[in-house]
Amino acid sequence: QLPEFYAGGRNTFFLDNPWLFWLAGPRS
């Protein structure tokens, strides 16, 4: 529910691209 965890947020975690999210996301 917090924009902080999405792209452009202070602590980006959730990413629209599943490949990036699961394989190369800095936090995920």
PDB file of all heavy atoms in Angstrom:
ATOM      1  N   GLN A   1       0.819  -1.215   0.000  1.00  0.00           N
ATOM      2  CA  GLN A   1       0.000   0.000   0.000  1.00  0.00           C
ATOM      3  C   GLN A   1       0.856   1.270   0.000  1.00  0.00           C
ATOM      4  O   GLN A   1       0.318   2.369  -0.130  1.00  0.00           O
ATOM      5  CB  GLN A   1      -0.919   0.006   1.225  1.00  0.00           C
ATOM      6  CG  GLN A   1      -1.924  -1.141   1.256  1.00  0.00           C
ATOM      7  CD  GLN A   1      -2.682  -1.223   2.573  1.00  0.00           C
ATOM      8  OE1 GLN A   1      -2.432  -0.449   3.490  1.00  0.00           O
ATOM      9  NE2 GLN A   1      -3.603  -2.164   2.659  1.00  0.00           N
ATOM     10  N   LEU A   2       2.162   1.113   0.158  1.00  0.00           N
ATOM     11  CA  LEU A   2       3.037   2.277   0.270  1.00  0.00           C
ATOM     12  C   LEU A   2       3.828   2.503  -1.015  1.00  0.00           C
ATOM     13  O   LEU A   2       4.451   1.567  -1.531  1.00  0.00           O
ATOM     14  CB  LEU A   2       4.021   2.082   1.438  1.00  0.00           C
ATOM     15  CG  LEU A   2       3.418   2.025   2.839  1.00  0.00           C
ATOM     16  CD1 LEU A   2       4.485   1.674   3.860  1.00  0.00           C
ATOM     17  CD2 LEU A   2       2.762   3.355   3.197  1.00  0.00           C
ATOM     18  N   PRO A   3       3.849   3.728  -1.539  1.00  0.00           N
ATOM     19  CA  PRO A   3       4.613   4.020  -2.760  1.00  0.00           C
ATOM     20  C   PRO A   3       6.120   3.878  -2.572  1.00  0.00           C
ATOM     21  O   PRO A   3       6.861   3.754  -3.536  1.00  0.00           O
ATOM     22  CB  PRO A   3       4.233   5.477  -3.076  1.00  0.00           C
ATOM     23  CG  PRO A   3       3.748   6.045  -1.783  1.00  0.00           C
ATOM     24  CD  PRO A   3       3.118   4.913  -1.047  1.00  0.00           C
ATOM     25  N   GLU A   4       6.568   3.894  -1.311  1.00  0.00           N
ATOM     26  CA  GLU A   4       7.995   3.753  -1.023  1.00  0.00           C
ATOM     27  C   GLU A   4       8.588   2.466  -1.578  1.00  0.00           C
ATOM     28  O   GLU A   4       9.784   2.397  -1.885  1.00  0.00           O
ATOM     29  CB  GLU A   4       8.236   3.780   0.491  1.00  0.00           C
ATOM     30  CG  GLU A   4       8.085   5.143   1.133  1.00  0.00           C
ATOM     31  CD  GLU A   4       6.652   5.471   1.528  1.00  0.00           C
ATOM     32  OE1 GLU A   4       5.727   4.910   0.901  1.00  0.00           O
ATOM     33  OE2 GLU A   4       6.455   6.285   2.449  1.00  0.00           O
ATOM     34  N   PHE A   5       7.766   1.434  -1.737  1.00  0.00           N
ATOM     35  CA  PHE A   5       8.267   0.125  -2.161  1.00  0.00           C
ATOM     36  C   PHE A   5       8.139  -0.116  -3.663  1.00  0.00           C
ATOM     37  O   PHE A   5       8.491  -1.202  -4.137  1.00  0.00           O
ATOM     38  CB  PHE A   5       7.531  -0.988  -1.398  1.00  0.00           C
ATOM     39  CG  PHE A   5       7.914  -1.074   0.050  1.00  0.00           C
ATOM     40  CD1 PHE A   5       7.138  -0.473   1.029  1.00  0.00           C
ATOM     41  CD2 PHE A   5       9.056  -1.753   0.447  1.00  0.00           C
ATOM     42  CE1 PHE A   5       7.484  -0.555   2.369  1.00  0.00           C
ATOM     43  CE2 PHE A   5       9.409  -1.845   1.786  1.00  0.00           C
ATOM     44  CZ  PHE A   5       8.628  -1.236   2.752  1.00  0.00           C
ATOM     45  N   TYR A   6       7.638   0.862  -4.392  1.00  0.00           N
ATOM     46  CA  TYR A   6       7.468   0.699  -5.835  1.00  0.00           C
ATOM     47  C   TYR A   6       8.524   1.504  -6.594  1.00  0.00           C
ATOM     48  O   TYR A   6       9.291   2.265  -5.996  1.00  0.00           O
ATOM     49  CB  TYR A   6       6.053   1.103  -6.245  1.00  0.00           C
ATOM     50  CG  TYR A   6       5.000   0.131  -5.762  1.00  0.00           C
ATOM     51  CD1 TYR A   6       4.411   0.278  -4.507  1.00  0.00           C
ATOM     52  CD2 TYR A   6       4.624  -0.960  -6.542  1.00  0.00           C
ATOM     53  CE1 TYR A   6       3.466  -0.628  -4.043  1.00  0.00           C
ATOM     54  CE2 TYR A   6       3.666  -1.871  -6.094  1.00  0.00           C
ATOM     55  CZ  TYR A   6       3.107  -1.700  -4.839  1.00  0.00           C
ATOM     56  OH  TYR A   6       2.174  -2.603  -4.389  1.00  0.00           O
ATOM     57  N   ALA A   7       8.565   1.311  -7.904  1.00  0.00           N
ATOM     58  CA  ALA A   7       9.567   1.976  -8.742  1.00  0.00           C
ATOM     59  C   ALA A   7       9.561   3.476  -8.488  1.00  0.00           C
ATOM     60  O   ALA A   7       8.504   4.109  -8.491  1.00  0.00           O
ATOM     61  CB  ALA A   7       9.285   1.689 -10.215  1.00  0.00           C
ATOM     62  N   GLY A   8      10.745   4.032  -8.252  1.00  0.00           N
ATOM     63  CA  GLY A   8      10.866   5.455  -7.959  1.00  0.00           C
ATOM     64  C   GLY A   8      10.729   5.781  -6.491  1.00  0.00           C
ATOM     65  O   GLY A   8      10.947   6.929  -6.089  1.00  0.00           O
ATOM     66  N   GLY A   9      10.380   4.784  -5.668  1.00  0.00           N
ATOM     67  CA  GLY A   9      10.210   5.010  -4.238  1.00  0.00           C
ATOM     68  C   GLY A   9      11.530   4.980  -3.490  1.00  0.00           C
ATOM     69  O   GLY A   9      12.570   4.624  -4.042  1.00  0.00           O
ATOM     70  N   ARG A  10      11.473   5.339  -2.224  1.00  0.00           N
ATOM     71  CA  ARG A  10      12.686   5.410  -1.397  1.00  0.00           C
ATOM     72  C   ARG A  10      13.371   4.055  -1.267  1.00  0.00           C
ATOM     73  O   ARG A  10      14.600   3.956  -1.256  1.00  0.00           O
ATOM     74  CB  ARG A  10      12.319   5.959   0.000  1.00  0.00           C
ATOM     75  CG  ARG A  10      13.429   5.887   1.046  1.00  0.00           C
ATOM     76  CD  ARG A  10      14.611   6.754   0.667  1.00  0.00           C
ATOM     77  NE  ARG A  10      15.668   6.686   1.665  1.00  0.00           N
ATOM     78  CZ  ARG A  10      16.609   5.732   1.706  1.00  0.00           C
ATOM     79  NH1 ARG A  10      16.604   4.760   0.810  1.00  0.00           N
ATOM     80  NH2 ARG A  10      17.554   5.769   2.639  1.00  0.00           N
ATOM     81  N   ASN A  11      12.591   2.981  -1.158  1.00  0.00           N
ATOM     82  CA  ASN A  11      13.142   1.629  -1.045  1.00  0.00           C
ATOM     83  C   ASN A  11      12.453   0.699  -2.039  1.00  0.00           C
ATOM     84  O   ASN A  11      11.706  -0.203  -1.658  1.00  0.00           O
ATOM     85  CB  ASN A  11      12.974   1.097   0.382  1.00  0.00           C
ATOM     86  CG  ASN A  11      13.874   1.783   1.366  1.00  0.00           C
ATOM     87  OD1 ASN A  11      13.602   2.908   1.782  1.00  0.00           O
ATOM     88  ND2 ASN A  11      14.950   1.137   1.752  1.00  0.00           N
ATOM     89  N   THR A  12      12.703   0.920  -3.296  1.00  0.00           N
ATOM     90  CA  THR A  12      12.042   0.153  -4.358  1.00  0.00           C
ATOM     91  C   THR A  12      12.220  -1.344  -4.145  1.00  0.00           C
ATOM     92  O   THR A  12      13.345  -1.840  -4.022  1.00  0.00           O
ATOM     93  CB  THR A  12      12.604   0.540  -5.735  1.00  0.00           C
ATOM     94  OG1 THR A  12      12.416   1.938  -5.932  1.00  0.00           O
ATOM     95  CG2 THR A  12      11.890  -0.235  -6.826  1.00  0.00           C
ATOM     96  N   PHE A  13      11.104  -2.053  -4.109  1.00  0.00           N
ATOM     97  CA  PHE A  13      11.146  -3.510  -3.962  1.00  0.00           C
ATOM     98  C   PHE A  13      10.296  -4.185  -5.033  1.00  0.00           C
ATOM     99  O   PHE A  13      10.770  -5.046  -5.757  1.00  0.00           O
ATOM    100  CB  PHE A  13      10.659  -3.924  -2.566  1.00  0.00           C
ATOM    101  CG  PHE A  13      10.786  -5.394  -2.300  1.00  0.00           C
ATOM    102  CD1 PHE A  13      11.982  -5.921  -1.839  1.00  0.00           C
ATOM    103  CD2 PHE A  13       9.722  -6.257  -2.532  1.00  0.00           C
ATOM    104  CE1 PHE A  13      12.112  -7.288  -1.610  1.00  0.00           C
ATOM    105  CE2 PHE A  13       9.839  -7.616  -2.304  1.00  0.00           C
ATOM    106  CZ  PHE A  13      11.034  -8.140  -1.845  1.00  0.00           C
ATOM    107  N   PHE A  14       9.034  -3.778  -5.140  1.00  0.00           N
ATOM    108  CA  PHE A  14       8.127  -4.391  -6.104  1.00  0.00           C
ATOM    109  C   PHE A  14       8.375  -3.814  -7.502  1.00  0.00           C
ATOM    110  O   PHE A  14       8.367  -2.600  -7.690  1.00  0.00           O
ATOM    111  CB  PHE A  14       6.673  -4.148  -5.689  1.00  0.00           C
ATOM    112  CG  PHE A  14       6.361  -4.654  -4.311  1.00  0.00           C
ATOM    113  CD1 PHE A  14       6.082  -3.769  -3.283  1.00  0.00           C
ATOM    114  CD2 PHE A  14       6.354  -6.015  -4.029  1.00  0.00           C
ATOM    115  CE1 PHE A  14       5.799  -4.219  -2.002  1.00  0.00           C
ATOM    116  CE2 PHE A  14       6.082  -6.481  -2.753  1.00  0.00           C
ATOM    117  CZ  PHE A  14       5.803  -5.584  -1.740  1.00  0.00           C
ATOM    118  N   LEU A  15       8.592  -4.710  -8.461  1.00  0.00           N
ATOM    119  CA  LEU A  15       8.881  -4.295  -9.830  1.00  0.00           C
ATOM    120  C   LEU A  15       7.860  -4.928 -10.776  1.00  0.00           C
ATOM    121  O   LEU A  15       7.425  -6.068 -10.575  1.00  0.00           O
ATOM    122  CB  LEU A  15      10.300  -4.718 -10.225  1.00  0.00           C
ATOM    123  CG  LEU A  15      11.430  -4.176  -9.332  1.00  0.00           C
ATOM    124  CD1 LEU A  15      12.747  -4.856  -9.663  1.00  0.00           C
ATOM    125  CD2 LEU A  15      11.554  -2.666  -9.503  1.00  0.00           C
ATOM    126  N   ASP A  16       7.494  -4.200 -11.816  1.00  0.00           N
ATOM    127  CA  ASP A  16       6.511  -4.702 -12.776  1.00  0.00           C
ATOM    128  C   ASP A  16       7.052  -5.868 -13.600  1.00  0.00           C
ATOM    129  O   ASP A  16       6.308  -6.772 -13.975  1.00  0.00           O
ATOM    130  CB  ASP A  16       6.062  -3.572 -13.711  1.00  0.00           C
ATOM    131  CG  ASP A  16       5.292  -2.480 -12.973  1.00  0.00           C
ATOM    132  OD1 ASP A  16       4.653  -2.820 -11.955  1.00  0.00           O
ATOM    133  OD2 ASP A  16       5.338  -1.313 -13.386  1.00  0.00           O
ATOM    134  N   ASN A  17       8.351  -5.821 -13.894  1.00  0.00           N
ATOM    135  CA  ASN A  17       8.971  -6.872 -14.696  1.00  0.00           C
ATOM    136  C   ASN A  17       9.318  -8.064 -13.795  1.00  0.00           C
ATOM    137  O   ASN A  17      10.200  -7.965 -12.949  1.00  0.00           O
ATOM    138  CB  ASN A  17      10.240  -6.327 -15.363  1.00  0.00           C
ATOM    139  CG  ASN A  17      10.874  -7.328 -16.310  1.00  0.00           C
ATOM    140  OD1 ASN A  17      10.782  -8.534 -16.127  1.00  0.00           O
ATOM    141  ND2 ASN A  17      11.522  -6.820 -17.344  1.00  0.00           N
ATOM    142  N   PRO A  18       8.633  -9.217 -13.958  1.00  0.00           N
ATOM    143  CA  PRO A  18       8.883 -10.362 -13.065  1.00  0.00           C
ATOM    144  C   PRO A  18      10.301 -10.914 -13.177  1.00  0.00           C
ATOM    145  O   PRO A  18      10.861 -11.390 -12.189  1.00  0.00           O
ATOM    146  CB  PRO A  18       7.838 -11.399 -13.503  1.00  0.00           C
ATOM    147  CG  PRO A  18       7.442 -10.999 -14.885  1.00  0.00           C
ATOM    148  CD  PRO A  18       7.577  -9.511 -14.944  1.00  0.00           C
ATOM    149  N   TRP A  19      10.891 -10.861 -14.365  1.00  0.00           N
ATOM    150  CA  TRP A  19      12.258 -11.344 -14.534  1.00  0.00           C
ATOM    151  C   TRP A  19      13.229 -10.484 -13.728  1.00  0.00           C
ATOM    152  O   TRP A  19      14.123 -10.994 -13.042  1.00  0.00           O
ATOM    153  CB  TRP A  19      12.651 -11.335 -16.009  1.00  0.00           C
ATOM    154  CG  TRP A  19      11.928 -12.360 -16.823  1.00  0.00           C
ATOM    155  CD1 TRP A  19      10.847 -12.174 -17.630  1.00  0.00           C
ATOM    156  CD2 TRP A  19      12.219 -13.771 -16.878  1.00  0.00           C
ATOM    157  NE1 TRP A  19      10.446 -13.356 -18.186  1.00  0.00           N
ATOM    158  CE2 TRP A  19      11.276 -14.363 -17.752  1.00  0.00           C
ATOM    159  CE3 TRP A  19      13.185 -14.579 -16.279  1.00  0.00           C
ATOM    160  CZ2 TRP A  19      11.274 -15.715 -18.027  1.00  0.00           C
ATOM    161  CZ3 TRP A  19      13.192 -15.944 -16.564  1.00  0.00           C
ATOM    162  CH2 TRP A  19      12.236 -16.500 -17.428  1.00  0.00           C
ATOM    163  N   LEU A  20      13.036  -9.186 -13.820  1.00  0.00           N
ATOM    164  CA  LEU A  20      13.885  -8.263 -13.068  1.00  0.00           C
ATOM    165  C   LEU A  20      13.655  -8.432 -11.575  1.00  0.00           C
ATOM    166  O   LEU A  20      14.599  -8.430 -10.778  1.00  0.00           O
ATOM    167  CB  LEU A  20      13.596  -6.827 -13.500  1.00  0.00           C
ATOM    168  CG  LEU A  20      14.505  -5.734 -12.923  1.00  0.00           C
ATOM    169  CD1 LEU A  20      15.947  -5.973 -13.351  1.00  0.00           C
ATOM    170  CD2 LEU A  20      14.040  -4.356 -13.378  1.00  0.00           C
ATOM    171  N   PHE A  21      12.391  -8.592 -11.193  1.00  0.00           N
ATOM    172  CA  PHE A  21      12.042  -8.719  -9.771  1.00  0.00           C
ATOM    173  C   PHE A  21      12.707  -9.945  -9.145  1.00  0.00           C
ATOM    174  O   PHE A  21      13.319  -9.852  -8.070  1.00  0.00           O
ATOM    175  CB  PHE A  21      10.526  -8.810  -9.616  1.00  0.00           C
ATOM    176  CG  PHE A  21      10.060  -9.068  -8.203  1.00  0.00           C
ATOM    177  CD1 PHE A  21      10.043  -8.036  -7.270  1.00  0.00           C
ATOM    178  CD2 PHE A  21       9.659 -10.334  -7.788  1.00  0.00           C
ATOM    179  CE1 PHE A  21       9.626  -8.263  -5.960  1.00  0.00           C
ATOM    180  CE2 PHE A  21       9.242 -10.572  -6.492  1.00  0.00           C
ATOM    181  CZ  PHE A  21       9.231  -9.530  -5.586  1.00  0.00           C
ATOM    182  N   TRP A  22      12.600 -11.089  -9.799  1.00  0.00           N
ATOM    183  CA  TRP A  22      13.093 -12.329  -9.214  1.00  0.00           C
ATOM    184  C   TRP A  22      14.587 -12.569  -9.440  1.00  0.00           C
ATOM    185  O   TRP A  22      15.234 -13.243  -8.635  1.00  0.00           O
ATOM    186  CB  TRP A  22      12.317 -13.528  -9.770  1.00  0.00           C
ATOM    187  CG  TRP A  22      10.929 -13.606  -9.213  1.00  0.00           C
ATOM    188  CD1 TRP A  22       9.773 -13.245  -9.831  1.00  0.00           C
ATOM    189  CD2 TRP A  22      10.546 -14.065  -7.904  1.00  0.00           C
ATOM    190  NE1 TRP A  22       8.689 -13.451  -9.000  1.00  0.00           N
ATOM    191  CE2 TRP A  22       9.135 -13.956  -7.819  1.00  0.00           C
ATOM    192  CE3 TRP A  22      11.251 -14.564  -6.816  1.00  0.00           C
ATOM    193  CZ2 TRP A  22       8.438 -14.323  -6.673  1.00  0.00           C
ATOM    194  CZ3 TRP A  22      10.559 -14.934  -5.673  1.00  0.00           C
ATOM    195  CH2 TRP A  22       9.163 -14.814  -5.607  1.00  0.00           C
ATOM    196  N   LEU A  23      15.141 -12.018 -10.503  1.00  0.00           N
ATOM    197  CA  LEU A  23      16.528 -12.344 -10.845  1.00  0.00           C
ATOM    198  C   LEU A  23      17.526 -11.242 -10.518  1.00  0.00           C
ATOM    199  O   LEU A  23      18.614 -11.513 -10.017  1.00  0.00           O
ATOM    200  CB  LEU A  23      16.632 -12.705 -12.330  1.00  0.00           C
ATOM    201  CG  LEU A  23      15.835 -13.932 -12.783  1.00  0.00           C
ATOM    202  CD1 LEU A  23      16.048 -14.178 -14.275  1.00  0.00           C
ATOM    203  CD2 LEU A  23      16.211 -15.169 -11.979  1.00  0.00           C
ATOM    204  N   ALA A  24      17.177  -9.989 -10.811  1.00  0.00           N
ATOM    205  CA  ALA A  24      18.188  -8.929 -10.725  1.00  0.00           C
ATOM    206  C   ALA A  24      17.787  -7.733  -9.875  1.00  0.00           C
ATOM    207  O   ALA A  24      18.519  -6.748  -9.823  1.00  0.00           O
ATOM    208  CB  ALA A  24      18.554  -8.458 -12.138  1.00  0.00           C
ATOM    209  N   GLY A  25      16.646  -7.784  -9.219  1.00  0.00           N
ATOM    210  CA  GLY A  25      16.246  -6.669  -8.356  1.00  0.00           C
ATOM    211  C   GLY A  25      17.240  -6.487  -7.224  1.00  0.00           C
ATOM    212  O   GLY A  25      17.629  -7.472  -6.582  1.00  0.00           O
ATOM    213  N   PRO A  26      17.673  -5.268  -6.936  1.00  0.00           N
ATOM    214  CA  PRO A  26      18.676  -5.040  -5.878  1.00  0.00           C
ATOM    215  C   PRO A  26      18.252  -5.597  -4.526  1.00  0.00           C
ATOM    216  O   PRO A  26      19.092  -6.051  -3.740  1.00  0.00           O
ATOM    217  CB  PRO A  26      18.800  -3.517  -5.834  1.00  0.00           C
ATOM    218  CG  PRO A  26      18.356  -3.048  -7.177  1.00  0.00           C
ATOM    219  CD  PRO A  26      17.285  -4.008  -7.596  1.00  0.00           C
ATOM    220  N   ARG A  27      16.953  -5.562  -4.243  1.00  0.00           N
ATOM    221  CA  ARG A  27      16.474  -6.045  -2.945  1.00  0.00           C
ATOM    222  C   ARG A  27      15.701  -7.354  -3.063  1.00  0.00           C
ATOM    223  O   ARG A  27      15.593  -8.089  -2.091  1.00  0.00           O
ATOM    224  CB  ARG A  27      15.584  -4.980  -2.287  1.00  0.00           C
ATOM    225  CG  ARG A  27      16.321  -3.683  -1.983  1.00  0.00           C
ATOM    226  CD  ARG A  27      15.390  -2.638  -1.377  1.00  0.00           C
ATOM    227  NE  ARG A  27      16.125  -1.432  -1.007  1.00  0.00           N
ATOM    228  CZ  ARG A  27      16.318  -0.397  -1.806  1.00  0.00           C
ATOM    229  NH1 ARG A  27      15.807  -0.415  -3.036  1.00  0.00           N
ATOM    230  NH2 ARG A  27      17.008   0.656  -1.403  1.00  0.00           N
ATOM    231  N   SER A  28      15.164  -7.635  -4.232  1.00  0.00           N
ATOM    232  CA  SER A  28      14.297  -8.807  -4.406  1.00  0.00           C
ATOM    233  C   SER A  28      14.909  -9.908  -5.244  1.00  0.00           C
ATOM    234  O   SER A  28      14.426 -11.033  -5.239  1.00  0.00           O
ATOM    235  CB  SER A  28      12.978  -8.377  -5.075  1.00  0.00           C
ATOM    236  OG  SER A  28      13.239  -7.850  -6.383  1.00  0.00           O
TER     237      SER A  28
END
